[in-house]
Amino acid sequence: VTFPGPRTLTPRRSPTARFTLPAQEALVGCLRRIA
C-alpha cells in the first residue's frame, strides 16, 4: 500500500479482507455475496 504525499507517523491502513473457499462453481455466488 502506498500513501500519497508525505507519510505521517501513523498512516491509516487500507481496509483489507481475504477469503478462501474450495474452488467449486457452486461457491462463486458465496464470494459475490461476501464481496
PDB file of all heavy atoms in Angstrom:
ATOM      1  N   VAL A   1       0.858  -1.178   0.000  1.00  0.00           N
ATOM      2  CA  VAL A   1       0.000   0.000   0.000  1.00  0.00           C
ATOM      3  C   VAL A   1       0.896   1.230   0.000  1.00  0.00           C
ATOM      4  O   VAL A   1       1.805   1.335   0.805  1.00  0.00           O
ATOM      5  CB  VAL A   1      -0.913   0.015   1.247  1.00  0.00           C
ATOM      6  CG1 VAL A   1      -1.738   1.271   1.280  1.00  0.00           C
ATOM      7  CG2 VAL A   1      -1.782  -1.222   1.273  1.00  0.00           C
ATOM      8  N   THR A   2       0.659   2.128  -0.931  1.00  0.00           N
ATOM      9  CA  THR A   2       1.404   3.383  -0.940  1.00  0.00           C
ATOM     10  C   THR A   2       0.458   4.500  -0.538  1.00  0.00           C
ATOM     11  O   THR A   2      -0.716   4.491  -0.881  1.00  0.00           O
ATOM     12  CB  THR A   2       1.989   3.682  -2.329  1.00  0.00           C
ATOM     13  OG1 THR A   2       0.934   3.700  -3.270  1.00  0.00           O
ATOM     14  CG2 THR A   2       3.015   2.636  -2.723  1.00  0.00           C
ATOM     15  N   PHE A   3       0.966   5.433   0.203  1.00  0.00           N
ATOM     16  CA  PHE A   3       0.172   6.555   0.666  1.00  0.00           C
ATOM     17  C   PHE A   3       0.609   7.792  -0.091  1.00  0.00           C
ATOM     18  O   PHE A   3       1.799   8.047  -0.224  1.00  0.00           O
ATOM     19  CB  PHE A   3       0.368   6.768   2.172  1.00  0.00           C
ATOM     20  CG  PHE A   3      -0.133   5.623   2.985  1.00  0.00           C
ATOM     21  CD1 PHE A   3       0.689   4.561   3.303  1.00  0.00           C
ATOM     22  CD2 PHE A   3      -1.445   5.588   3.421  1.00  0.00           C
ATOM     23  CE1 PHE A   3       0.217   3.493   4.046  1.00  0.00           C
ATOM     24  CE2 PHE A   3      -1.924   4.516   4.159  1.00  0.00           C
ATOM     25  CZ  PHE A   3      -1.087   3.472   4.472  1.00  0.00           C
ATOM     26  N   PRO A   4      -0.335   8.588  -0.593  1.00  0.00           N
ATOM     27  CA  PRO A   4       0.049   9.788  -1.334  1.00  0.00           C
ATOM     28  C   PRO A   4       0.650  10.824  -0.398  1.00  0.00           C
ATOM     29  O   PRO A   4       0.265  10.939   0.749  1.00  0.00           O
ATOM     30  CB  PRO A   4      -1.281  10.277  -1.914  1.00  0.00           C
ATOM     31  CG  PRO A   4      -2.326   9.691  -1.032  1.00  0.00           C
ATOM     32  CD  PRO A   4      -1.765   8.420  -0.475  1.00  0.00           C
ATOM     33  N   GLY A   5       1.625  11.551  -0.907  1.00  0.00           N
ATOM     34  CA  GLY A   5       2.224  12.628  -0.119  1.00  0.00           C
ATOM     35  C   GLY A   5       3.112  12.095   0.982  1.00  0.00           C
ATOM     36  O   GLY A   5       3.376  10.905   1.079  1.00  0.00           O
ATOM     37  N   PRO A   6       3.589  12.991   1.839  1.00  0.00           N
ATOM     38  CA  PRO A   6       4.466  12.550   2.927  1.00  0.00           C
ATOM     39  C   PRO A   6       3.716  11.638   3.892  1.00  0.00           C
ATOM     40  O   PRO A   6       2.546  11.846   4.185  1.00  0.00           O
ATOM     41  CB  PRO A   6       4.865  13.850   3.621  1.00  0.00           C
ATOM     42  CG  PRO A   6       4.274  14.955   2.848  1.00  0.00           C
ATOM     43  CD  PRO A   6       3.357  14.398   1.821  1.00  0.00           C
ATOM     44  N   ARG A   7       4.407  10.647   4.374  1.00  0.00           N
ATOM     45  CA  ARG A   7       3.794   9.722   5.325  1.00  0.00           C
ATOM     46  C   ARG A   7       3.796  10.352   6.717  1.00  0.00           C
ATOM     47  O   ARG A   7       4.753  10.985   7.126  1.00  0.00           O
ATOM     48  CB  ARG A   7       4.556   8.409   5.377  1.00  0.00           C
ATOM     49  CG  ARG A   7       4.424   7.617   4.123  1.00  0.00           C
ATOM     50  CD  ARG A   7       5.163   6.317   4.258  1.00  0.00           C
ATOM     51  NE  ARG A   7       5.103   5.629   2.985  1.00  0.00           N
ATOM     52  CZ  ARG A   7       5.038   4.331   2.879  1.00  0.00           C
ATOM     53  NH1 ARG A   7       5.035   3.583   3.929  1.00  0.00           N
ATOM     54  NH2 ARG A   7       4.994   3.769   1.705  1.00  0.00           N
ATOM     55  N   THR A   8       2.718  10.112   7.423  1.00  0.00           N
ATOM     56  CA  THR A   8       2.676  10.555   8.806  1.00  0.00           C
ATOM     57  C   THR A   8       3.267   9.455   9.667  1.00  0.00           C
ATOM     58  O   THR A   8       3.545   8.353   9.198  1.00  0.00           O
ATOM     59  CB  THR A   8       1.222  10.832   9.232  1.00  0.00           C
ATOM     60  OG1 THR A   8       0.503   9.612   9.138  1.00  0.00           O
ATOM     61  CG2 THR A   8       0.583  11.892   8.359  1.00  0.00           C
ATOM     62  N   LEU A   9       3.428   9.724  10.927  1.00  0.00           N
ATOM     63  CA  LEU A   9       3.981   8.712  11.816  1.00  0.00           C
ATOM     64  C   LEU A   9       3.050   7.522  11.980  1.00  0.00           C
ATOM     65  O   LEU A   9       3.491   6.413  12.210  1.00  0.00           O
ATOM     66  CB  LEU A   9       4.286   9.316  13.187  1.00  0.00           C
ATOM     67  CG  LEU A   9       5.439  10.307  13.201  1.00  0.00           C
ATOM     68  CD1 LEU A   9       5.601  10.901  14.593  1.00  0.00           C
ATOM     69  CD2 LEU A   9       6.728   9.638  12.763  1.00  0.00           C
ATOM     70  N   THR A  10       1.745   7.743  11.856  1.00  0.00           N
ATOM     71  CA  THR A  10       0.783   6.652  11.999  1.00  0.00           C
ATOM     72  C   THR A  10      -0.179   6.656  10.810  1.00  0.00           C
ATOM     73  O   THR A  10      -1.319   7.072  10.932  1.00  0.00           O
ATOM     74  CB  THR A  10      -0.009   6.774  13.315  1.00  0.00           C
ATOM     75  OG1 THR A  10      -0.627   8.055  13.326  1.00  0.00           O
ATOM     76  CG2 THR A  10       0.885   6.600  14.518  1.00  0.00           C
ATOM     77  N   PRO A  11       0.288   6.219   9.612  1.00  0.00           N
ATOM     78  CA  PRO A  11      -0.607   6.218   8.454  1.00  0.00           C
ATOM     79  C   PRO A  11      -1.756   5.252   8.678  1.00  0.00           C
ATOM     80  O   PRO A  11      -1.611   4.232   9.332  1.00  0.00           O
ATOM     81  CB  PRO A  11       0.298   5.766   7.307  1.00  0.00           C
ATOM     82  CG  PRO A  11       1.388   5.004   7.960  1.00  0.00           C
ATOM     83  CD  PRO A  11       1.585   5.614   9.320  1.00  0.00           C
ATOM     84  N   ARG A  12      -2.882   5.601   8.135  1.00  0.00           N
ATOM     85  CA  ARG A  12      -4.065   4.756   8.232  1.00  0.00           C
ATOM     86  C   ARG A  12      -3.917   3.587   7.276  1.00  0.00           C
ATOM     87  O   ARG A  12      -3.614   3.770   6.107  1.00  0.00           O
ATOM     88  CB  ARG A  12      -5.296   5.577   7.876  1.00  0.00           C
ATOM     89  CG  ARG A  12      -6.562   4.826   8.129  1.00  0.00           C
ATOM     90  CD  ARG A  12      -7.723   5.764   8.007  1.00  0.00           C
ATOM     91  NE  ARG A  12      -8.931   4.991   8.220  1.00  0.00           N
ATOM     92  CZ  ARG A  12     -10.121   5.468   8.028  1.00  0.00           C
ATOM     93  NH1 ARG A  12     -10.290   6.697   7.627  1.00  0.00           N
ATOM     94  NH2 ARG A  12     -11.176   4.718   8.233  1.00  0.00           N
ATOM     95  N   ARG A  13      -4.111   2.384   7.784  1.00  0.00           N
ATOM     96  CA  ARG A  13      -4.010   1.187   6.943  1.00  0.00           C
ATOM     97  C   ARG A  13      -5.205   1.098   6.019  1.00  0.00           C
ATOM     98  O   ARG A  13      -6.311   1.471   6.379  1.00  0.00           O
ATOM     99  CB  ARG A  13      -3.956  -0.063   7.808  1.00  0.00           C
ATOM    100  CG  ARG A  13      -2.636  -0.260   8.487  1.00  0.00           C
ATOM    101  CD  ARG A  13      -2.625  -1.575   9.252  1.00  0.00           C
ATOM    102  NE  ARG A  13      -3.126  -2.664   8.451  1.00  0.00           N
ATOM    103  CZ  ARG A  13      -2.371  -3.567   7.847  1.00  0.00           C
ATOM    104  NH1 ARG A  13      -1.089  -3.496   7.924  1.00  0.00           N
ATOM    105  NH2 ARG A  13      -2.925  -4.554   7.164  1.00  0.00           N
ATOM    106  N   SER A  14      -4.959   0.568   4.845  1.00  0.00           N
ATOM    107  CA  SER A  14      -6.057   0.349   3.905  1.00  0.00           C
ATOM    108  C   SER A  14      -6.888  -0.824   4.378  1.00  0.00           C
ATOM    109  O   SER A  14      -6.346  -1.855   4.775  1.00  0.00           O
ATOM    110  CB  SER A  14      -5.500   0.045   2.521  1.00  0.00           C
ATOM    111  OG  SER A  14      -4.840   1.167   2.007  1.00  0.00           O
ATOM    112  N   PRO A  15      -8.217  -0.691   4.331  1.00  0.00           N
ATOM    113  CA  PRO A  15      -9.056  -1.840   4.673  1.00  0.00           C
ATOM    114  C   PRO A  15      -8.754  -3.002   3.739  1.00  0.00           C
ATOM    115  O   PRO A  15      -8.650  -2.827   2.524  1.00  0.00           O
ATOM    116  CB  PRO A  15     -10.476  -1.314   4.462  1.00  0.00           C
ATOM    117  CG  PRO A  15     -10.352   0.170   4.551  1.00  0.00           C
ATOM    118  CD  PRO A  15      -8.995   0.494   4.017  1.00  0.00           C
ATOM    119  N   THR A  16      -8.603  -4.185   4.317  1.00  0.00           N
ATOM    120  CA  THR A  16      -8.251  -5.383   3.560  1.00  0.00           C
ATOM    121  C   THR A  16      -9.091  -6.547   4.057  1.00  0.00           C
ATOM    122  O   THR A  16      -9.335  -6.672   5.255  1.00  0.00           O
ATOM    123  CB  THR A  16      -6.754  -5.720   3.753  1.00  0.00           C
ATOM    124  OG1 THR A  16      -5.977  -4.603   3.346  1.00  0.00           O
ATOM    125  CG2 THR A  16      -6.350  -6.936   2.963  1.00  0.00           C
ATOM    126  N   ALA A  17      -9.525  -7.382   3.149  1.00  0.00           N
ATOM    127  CA  ALA A  17     -10.256  -8.595   3.514  1.00  0.00           C
ATOM    128  C   ALA A  17      -9.787  -9.732   2.622  1.00  0.00           C
ATOM    129  O   ALA A  17      -9.542  -9.526   1.436  1.00  0.00           O
ATOM    130  CB  ALA A  17     -11.755  -8.368   3.359  1.00  0.00           C
ATOM    131  N   ARG A  18      -9.673 -10.923   3.210  1.00  0.00           N
ATOM    132  CA  ARG A  18      -9.261 -12.109   2.460  1.00  0.00           C
ATOM    133  C   ARG A  18     -10.168 -13.279   2.819  1.00  0.00           C
ATOM    134  O   ARG A  18     -10.486 -13.473   3.993  1.00  0.00           O
ATOM    135  CB  ARG A  18      -7.828 -12.485   2.789  1.00  0.00           C
ATOM    136  CG  ARG A  18      -6.848 -11.438   2.396  1.00  0.00           C
ATOM    137  CD  ARG A  18      -5.486 -11.757   2.971  1.00  0.00           C
ATOM    138  NE  ARG A  18      -4.703 -10.541   2.938  1.00  0.00           N
ATOM    139  CZ  ARG A  18      -3.502 -10.458   2.418  1.00  0.00           C
ATOM    140  NH1 ARG A  18      -2.929 -11.511   1.929  1.00  0.00           N
ATOM    141  NH2 ARG A  18      -2.869  -9.321   2.415  1.00  0.00           N
ATOM    142  N   PHE A  19     -10.552 -14.030   1.807  1.00  0.00           N
ATOM    143  CA  PHE A  19     -11.431 -15.180   1.988  1.00  0.00           C
ATOM    144  C   PHE A  19     -10.909 -16.313   1.110  1.00  0.00           C
ATOM    145  O   PHE A  19     -10.505 -16.079  -0.021  1.00  0.00           O
ATOM    146  CB  PHE A  19     -12.869 -14.857   1.563  1.00  0.00           C
ATOM    147  CG  PHE A  19     -13.417 -13.639   2.233  1.00  0.00           C
ATOM    148  CD1 PHE A  19     -13.314 -12.398   1.632  1.00  0.00           C
ATOM    149  CD2 PHE A  19     -14.014 -13.725   3.487  1.00  0.00           C
ATOM    150  CE1 PHE A  19     -13.809 -11.264   2.247  1.00  0.00           C
ATOM    151  CE2 PHE A  19     -14.505 -12.597   4.112  1.00  0.00           C
ATOM    152  CZ  PHE A  19     -14.408 -11.366   3.492  1.00  0.00           C
ATOM    153  N   THR A  20     -10.950 -17.531   1.628  1.00  0.00           N
ATOM    154  CA  THR A  20     -10.554 -18.701   0.853  1.00  0.00           C
ATOM    155  C   THR A  20     -11.638 -19.760   0.982  1.00  0.00           C
ATOM    156  O   THR A  20     -12.114 -20.035   2.088  1.00  0.00           O
ATOM    157  CB  THR A  20      -9.206 -19.258   1.339  1.00  0.00           C
ATOM    158  OG1 THR A  20      -8.203 -18.252   1.165  1.00  0.00           O
ATOM    159  CG2 THR A  20      -8.799 -20.500   0.557  1.00  0.00           C
ATOM    160  N   LEU A  21     -12.021 -20.306  -0.153  1.00  0.00           N
ATOM    161  CA  LEU A  21     -13.037 -21.357  -0.225  1.00  0.00           C
ATOM    162  C   LEU A  21     -12.563 -22.450  -1.166  1.00  0.00           C
ATOM    163  O   LEU A  21     -11.676 -22.214  -1.998  1.00  0.00           O
ATOM    164  CB  LEU A  21     -14.351 -20.786  -0.775  1.00  0.00           C
ATOM    165  CG  LEU A  21     -15.060 -19.717   0.030  1.00  0.00           C
ATOM    166  CD1 LEU A  21     -16.206 -19.135  -0.791  1.00  0.00           C
ATOM    167  CD2 LEU A  21     -15.577 -20.284   1.324  1.00  0.00           C
ATOM    168  N   PRO A  22     -13.152 -23.631  -1.084  1.00  0.00           N
ATOM    169  CA  PRO A  22     -12.850 -24.641  -2.103  1.00  0.00           C
ATOM    170  C   PRO A  22     -13.220 -24.098  -3.487  1.00  0.00           C
ATOM    171  O   PRO A  22     -14.202 -23.371  -3.627  1.00  0.00           O
ATOM    172  CB  PRO A  22     -13.745 -25.821  -1.717  1.00  0.00           C
ATOM    173  CG  PRO A  22     -14.027 -25.630  -0.266  1.00  0.00           C
ATOM    174  CD  PRO A  22     -14.069 -24.134  -0.062  1.00  0.00           C
ATOM    175  N   ALA A  23     -12.431 -24.441  -4.473  1.00  0.00           N
ATOM    176  CA  ALA A  23     -12.667 -23.953  -5.840  1.00  0.00           C
ATOM    177  C   ALA A  23     -13.785 -24.775  -6.473  1.00  0.00           C
ATOM    178  O   ALA A  23     -13.544 -25.725  -7.209  1.00  0.00           O
ATOM    179  CB  ALA A  23     -11.391 -24.030  -6.669  1.00  0.00           C
ATOM    180  N   GLN A  24     -15.006 -24.377  -6.159  1.00  0.00           N
ATOM    181  CA  GLN A  24     -16.185 -25.052  -6.688  1.00  0.00           C
ATOM    182  C   GLN A  24     -17.114 -24.003  -7.272  1.00  0.00           C
ATOM    183  O   GLN A  24     -17.346 -22.957  -6.664  1.00  0.00           O
ATOM    184  CB  GLN A  24     -16.914 -25.809  -5.574  1.00  0.00           C
ATOM    185  CG  GLN A  24     -16.078 -26.890  -4.943  1.00  0.00           C
ATOM    186  CD  GLN A  24     -16.752 -27.478  -3.715  1.00  0.00           C
ATOM    187  OE1 GLN A  24     -17.888 -27.144  -3.382  1.00  0.00           O
ATOM    188  NE2 GLN A  24     -16.042 -28.365  -3.038  1.00  0.00           N
ATOM    189  N   GLU A  25     -17.650 -24.308  -8.448  1.00  0.00           N
ATOM    190  CA  GLU A  25     -18.553 -23.359  -9.108  1.00  0.00           C
ATOM    191  C   GLU A  25     -19.734 -22.983  -8.217  1.00  0.00           C
ATOM    192  O   GLU A  25     -20.197 -21.847  -8.246  1.00  0.00           O
ATOM    193  CB  GLU A  25     -19.050 -23.936 -10.432  1.00  0.00           C
ATOM    194  CG  GLU A  25     -17.964 -23.988 -11.496  1.00  0.00           C
ATOM    195  CD  GLU A  25     -18.486 -24.554 -12.794  1.00  0.00           C
ATOM    196  OE1 GLU A  25     -19.259 -23.849 -13.471  1.00  0.00           O
ATOM    197  OE2 GLU A  25     -18.116 -25.698 -13.118  1.00  0.00           O
ATOM    198  N   ALA A  26     -20.201 -23.907  -7.395  1.00  0.00           N
ATOM    199  CA  ALA A  26     -21.345 -23.635  -6.521  1.00  0.00           C
ATOM    200  C   ALA A  26     -21.032 -22.578  -5.464  1.00  0.00           C
ATOM    201  O   ALA A  26     -21.944 -21.991  -4.892  1.00  0.00           O
ATOM    202  CB  ALA A  26     -21.794 -24.926  -5.842  1.00  0.00           C
ATOM    203  N   LEU A  27     -19.751 -22.299  -5.206  1.00  0.00           N
ATOM    204  CA  LEU A  27     -19.369 -21.332  -4.171  1.00  0.00           C
ATOM    205  C   LEU A  27     -19.047 -19.949  -4.726  1.00  0.00           C
ATOM    206  O   LEU A  27     -18.764 -19.028  -3.965  1.00  0.00           O
ATOM    207  CB  LEU A  27     -18.186 -21.876  -3.370  1.00  0.00           C
ATOM    208  CG  LEU A  27     -18.495 -23.143  -2.575  1.00  0.00           C
ATOM    209  CD1 LEU A  27     -17.242 -23.664  -1.885  1.00  0.00           C
ATOM    210  CD2 LEU A  27     -19.603 -22.899  -1.568  1.00  0.00           C
ATOM    211  N   VAL A  28     -19.086 -19.775  -6.035  1.00  0.00           N
ATOM    212  CA  VAL A  28     -18.809 -18.470  -6.643  1.00  0.00           C
ATOM    213  C   VAL A  28     -19.822 -17.440  -6.148  1.00  0.00           C
ATOM    214  O   VAL A  28     -19.467 -16.313  -5.796  1.00  0.00           O
ATOM    215  CB  VAL A  28     -18.803 -18.572  -8.179  1.00  0.00           C
ATOM    216  CG1 VAL A  28     -18.751 -17.196  -8.828  1.00  0.00           C
ATOM    217  CG2 VAL A  28     -17.625 -19.432  -8.637  1.00  0.00           C
ATOM    218  N   GLY A  29     -21.065 -17.808  -6.083  1.00  0.00           N
ATOM    219  CA  GLY A  29     -22.104 -16.902  -5.596  1.00  0.00           C
ATOM    220  C   GLY A  29     -21.854 -16.472  -4.158  1.00  0.00           C
ATOM    221  O   GLY A  29     -22.145 -15.334  -3.774  1.00  0.00           O
ATOM    222  N   CYS A  30     -21.297 -17.364  -3.364  1.00  0.00           N
ATOM    223  CA  CYS A  30     -20.959 -17.041  -1.981  1.00  0.00           C
ATOM    224  C   CYS A  30     -19.908 -15.930  -1.936  1.00  0.00           C
ATOM    225  O   CYS A  30     -20.034 -14.969  -1.164  1.00  0.00           O
ATOM    226  CB  CYS A  30     -20.451 -18.298  -1.281  1.00  0.00           C
ATOM    227  SG  CYS A  30     -20.083 -18.079   0.463  1.00  0.00           S
ATOM    228  N   LEU A  31     -18.875 -16.031  -2.765  1.00  0.00           N
ATOM    229  CA  LEU A  31     -17.856 -14.969  -2.817  1.00  0.00           C
ATOM    230  C   LEU A  31     -18.459 -13.653  -3.294  1.00  0.00           C
ATOM    231  O   LEU A  31     -18.107 -12.586  -2.788  1.00  0.00           O
ATOM    232  CB  LEU A  31     -16.697 -15.375  -3.717  1.00  0.00           C
ATOM    233  CG  LEU A  31     -15.630 -16.258  -3.090  1.00  0.00           C
ATOM    234  CD1 LEU A  31     -14.508 -16.539  -4.086  1.00  0.00           C
ATOM    235  CD2 LEU A  31     -15.070 -15.667  -1.818  1.00  0.00           C
ATOM    236  N   ARG A  32     -19.377 -13.713  -4.252  1.00  0.00           N
ATOM    237  CA  ARG A  32     -20.040 -12.486  -4.716  1.00  0.00           C
ATOM    238  C   ARG A  32     -20.821 -11.831  -3.582  1.00  0.00           C
ATOM    239  O   ARG A  32     -20.763 -10.617  -3.390  1.00  0.00           O
ATOM    240  CB  ARG A  32     -20.974 -12.774  -5.895  1.00  0.00           C
ATOM    241  CG  ARG A  32     -20.273 -12.926  -7.220  1.00  0.00           C
ATOM    242  CD  ARG A  32     -21.247 -12.872  -8.392  1.00  0.00           C
ATOM    243  NE  ARG A  32     -22.360 -13.782  -8.246  1.00  0.00           N
ATOM    244  CZ  ARG A  32     -22.446 -14.972  -8.824  1.00  0.00           C
ATOM    245  NH1 ARG A  32     -21.494 -15.399  -9.611  1.00  0.00           N
ATOM    246  NH2 ARG A  32     -23.499 -15.741  -8.634  1.00  0.00           N
ATOM    247  N   ARG A  33     -21.584 -12.639  -2.832  1.00  0.00           N
ATOM    248  CA  ARG A  33     -22.379 -12.083  -1.727  1.00  0.00           C
ATOM    249  C   ARG A  33     -21.484 -11.515  -0.627  1.00  0.00           C
ATOM    250  O   ARG A  33     -21.773 -10.450  -0.066  1.00  0.00           O
ATOM    251  CB  ARG A  33     -23.315 -13.155  -1.161  1.00  0.00           C
ATOM    252  CG  ARG A  33     -24.497 -13.440  -2.072  1.00  0.00           C
ATOM    253  CD  ARG A  33     -25.503 -14.384  -1.434  1.00  0.00           C
ATOM    254  NE  ARG A  33     -24.965 -15.705  -1.139  1.00  0.00           N
ATOM    255  CZ  ARG A  33     -24.844 -16.688  -2.035  1.00  0.00           C
ATOM    256  NH1 ARG A  33     -25.212 -16.491  -3.289  1.00  0.00           N
ATOM    257  NH2 ARG A  33     -24.362 -17.855  -1.677  1.00  0.00           N
ATOM    258  N   ILE A  34     -20.400 -12.199  -0.301  1.00  0.00           N
ATOM    259  CA  ILE A  34     -19.452 -11.704   0.701  1.00  0.00           C
ATOM    260  C   ILE A  34     -18.900 -10.358   0.254  1.00  0.00           C
ATOM    261  O   ILE A  34     -18.841  -9.402   1.031  1.00  0.00           O
ATOM    262  CB  ILE A  34     -18.306 -12.721   0.922  1.00  0.00           C
ATOM    263  CG1 ILE A  34     -18.817 -13.960   1.660  1.00  0.00           C
ATOM    264  CG2 ILE A  34     -17.148 -12.085   1.664  1.00  0.00           C
ATOM    265  CD1 ILE A  34     -17.831 -15.109   1.682  1.00  0.00           C
ATOM    266  N   ALA A  35     -18.482 -10.278  -1.011  1.00  0.00           N
ATOM    267  CA  ALA A  35     -17.916  -9.029  -1.533  1.00  0.00           C
ATOM    268  C   ALA A  35     -18.955  -7.912  -1.513  1.00  0.00           C
ATOM    269  O   ALA A  35     -18.656  -6.788  -1.096  1.00  0.00           O
ATOM    270  CB  ALA A  35     -17.379  -9.239  -2.951  1.00  0.00           C
TER     271      ALA A  35
END
